[in-house]
Amino acid sequence: MREADQEFKAANVNVRFVVIGTPEDATEFAAQFGDASRCLSDPEKKTYEAMGLDDFNLLKLFTTPDLSRRRRENKAAGFRQNWGATKLRNAAQLPGAAVIDAGGTIRWLHRGTHPGDLPSMIQMLAEARRVLA
């Protein structure tokens, strides 16, 4: 988010993160990154279900080339998986991203195919500009 925060603000695009867990869990986790106000709690995974997001086959955790590439990119950028904060029931949830207009219609949707499969914030901003123009 940090890489495009000002650009999202300039484009009048609000960013929210849906996280699995109680509101307290979401706030505690997101506060580590200064984004607690942007997190929406979804302990029952209703948002994930509505967006058609699946679970990842954890047997493919070390054999998916795109996931290995993403892991290396994140490591080079100084990020790493916090396994202590990852609950086993949440570890398989595939990521997703959406642009939702002011009326609540999903205008663009990305369904991840592995745990690291999310477009960059710059790519998401470009999609938001494109579909909301």
Protein backbone atom coordinates (compact mmCIF):
# COMPACT_ATOMS: atom_id res chain seq x y z
CA MET A 1 0.00 0.00 0.00
CA ARG A 2 2.79 2.39 0.88
CA GLU A 3 4.00 2.54 -2.71
CA ALA A 4 0.75 4.07 -3.98
CA ASP A 5 -1.05 5.55 -0.98
CA GLN A 6 -0.90 9.16 -2.17
CA GLU A 7 -1.95 8.17 -5.69
CA PHE A 8 -5.02 6.34 -4.36
CA LYS A 9 -5.94 9.42 -2.32
CA ALA A 10 -5.46 11.69 -5.35
CA ALA A 11 -7.69 9.40 -7.44
CA ASN A 12 -10.33 9.45 -4.65
CA VAL A 13 -10.16 5.66 -4.33
CA ASN A 14 -10.67 4.23 -0.84
CA VAL A 15 -8.70 1.09 -0.05
CA ARG A 16 -9.93 -1.51 2.41
CA PHE A 17 -8.47 -4.87 3.36
CA VAL A 18 -10.74 -7.77 4.26
CA VAL A 19 -9.08 -10.04 6.79
CA ILE A 20 -10.09 -13.33 8.32
CA GLY A 21 -10.46 -13.02 12.06
CA THR A 22 -12.33 -11.12 14.72
CA PRO A 23 -12.37 -7.33 14.62
CA GLU A 24 -9.89 -7.37 17.50
CA ASP A 25 -7.55 -9.75 15.63
CA ALA A 26 -7.75 -7.61 12.49
CA THR A 27 -7.06 -4.39 14.38
CA GLU A 28 -4.13 -5.90 16.28
CA PHE A 29 -2.55 -7.36 13.14
CA ALA A 30 -3.09 -4.29 10.94
CA ALA A 31 -1.86 -1.88 13.62
CA GLN A 32 1.61 -3.35 13.13
CA PHE A 33 1.56 -1.79 9.67
CA GLY A 34 -0.35 1.40 10.45
CA ASP A 35 -3.42 0.24 8.51
CA ALA A 36 -5.87 -0.72 11.27
CA SER A 37 -8.50 1.76 10.07
CA ARG A 38 -8.53 0.14 6.62
CA CYS A 39 -9.17 -3.44 7.76
CA LEU A 40 -12.57 -5.04 7.69
CA SER A 41 -13.05 -8.18 9.72
CA ASP A 42 -14.66 -11.22 8.07
CA PRO A 43 -14.26 -14.17 10.45
CA GLU A 44 -16.92 -16.19 8.64
CA LYS A 45 -15.23 -15.59 5.24
CA LYS A 46 -18.49 -14.35 3.66
CA THR A 47 -16.63 -11.83 1.51
CA TYR A 48 -14.27 -14.52 0.26
CA GLU A 49 -17.23 -16.76 -0.61
CA ALA A 50 -19.09 -13.93 -2.37
CA MET A 51 -16.02 -13.21 -4.49
CA GLY A 52 -15.58 -16.90 -5.30
CA LEU A 53 -12.15 -17.16 -3.68
CA ASP A 54 -10.99 -20.71 -3.09
CA ASP A 55 -8.52 -22.36 -0.77
CA PHE A 56 -5.02 -23.26 -1.92
CA ASN A 57 -3.92 -26.88 -1.97
CA LEU A 58 -1.21 -26.70 0.68
CA LEU A 59 0.48 -29.74 -0.87
CA LYS A 60 1.54 -27.36 -3.67
CA LEU A 61 3.12 -24.86 -1.26
CA PHE A 62 6.68 -25.59 -2.40
CA THR A 63 6.03 -26.74 -5.97
CA THR A 64 4.23 -23.73 -7.47
CA PRO A 65 6.77 -21.73 -9.55
CA ASP A 66 4.83 -18.43 -9.38
CA LEU A 67 4.57 -18.70 -5.61
CA SER A 68 8.31 -19.39 -5.31
CA ARG A 69 9.05 -16.35 -7.48
CA ARG A 70 6.75 -14.16 -5.38
CA ARG A 71 8.39 -15.46 -2.19
CA ARG A 72 11.82 -14.42 -3.52
CA GLU A 73 10.53 -10.97 -4.54
CA ASN A 74 9.03 -10.41 -1.10
CA LYS A 75 12.19 -11.57 0.65
CA ALA A 76 14.28 -9.19 -1.47
CA ALA A 77 11.90 -6.36 -0.52
CA GLY A 78 12.32 -7.18 3.18
CA PHE A 79 9.00 -8.97 3.74
CA ARG A 80 8.48 -12.45 5.13
CA GLN A 81 5.64 -14.72 6.20
CA ASN A 82 4.80 -14.37 9.89
CA TRP A 83 3.90 -18.00 10.63
CA GLY A 84 3.24 -17.15 14.26
CA ALA A 85 0.36 -14.91 13.19
CA THR A 86 -0.92 -17.30 10.52
CA LYS A 87 -3.68 -19.54 11.74
CA LEU A 88 -3.75 -22.93 10.04
CA ARG A 89 -7.39 -22.46 9.07
CA ASN A 90 -6.43 -19.21 7.32
CA ALA A 91 -3.21 -20.32 5.67
CA ALA A 92 -4.91 -21.87 2.65
CA GLN A 93 -7.21 -18.93 1.85
CA LEU A 94 -6.36 -17.59 -1.59
CA PRO A 95 -6.12 -13.81 -1.95
CA GLY A 96 -8.27 -11.62 -4.09
CA ALA A 97 -8.72 -7.99 -5.02
CA ALA A 98 -11.72 -6.06 -6.26
CA VAL A 99 -12.76 -2.63 -7.36
CA ILE A 100 -16.23 -1.90 -6.05
CA ASP A 101 -18.04 1.24 -7.15
CA ALA A 102 -19.98 3.57 -4.84
CA GLY A 103 -23.17 1.62 -5.54
CA GLY A 104 -21.64 -1.66 -4.37
CA THR A 105 -21.15 -3.24 -7.82
CA ILE A 106 -17.95 -5.20 -8.36
CA ARG A 107 -16.37 -3.58 -11.42
CA TRP A 108 -13.14 -5.59 -11.47
CA LEU A 109 -12.13 -8.79 -9.68
CA HIS A 110 -8.86 -10.66 -9.36
CA ARG A 111 -8.96 -14.19 -7.92
CA GLY A 112 -5.54 -15.39 -6.77
CA THR A 113 -4.32 -18.81 -7.86
CA HIS A 114 -1.70 -19.13 -5.11
CA PRO A 115 -1.11 -17.39 -1.75
CA GLY A 116 1.20 -14.76 -3.26
CA ASP A 117 -0.99 -14.01 -6.29
CA LEU A 118 -2.05 -10.42 -5.86
CA PRO A 119 -1.46 -7.59 -8.31
CA SER A 120 0.73 -4.77 -7.03
CA MET A 121 -1.01 -1.73 -5.62
CA ILE A 122 0.08 0.19 -8.73
CA GLN A 123 -1.66 -2.39 -10.93
CA MET A 124 -4.77 -2.25 -8.76
CA LEU A 125 -4.82 1.53 -8.99
CA ALA A 126 -4.60 1.31 -12.78
CA GLU A 127 -7.57 -1.10 -12.80
CA ALA A 128 -9.57 1.18 -10.51
CA ARG A 129 -8.88 4.17 -12.76
CA ARG A 130 -9.81 2.15 -15.84
CA VAL A 131 -13.13 0.77 -14.61
CA LEU A 132 -14.23 3.86 -12.68
CA ALA A 133 -13.42 6.35 -15.44
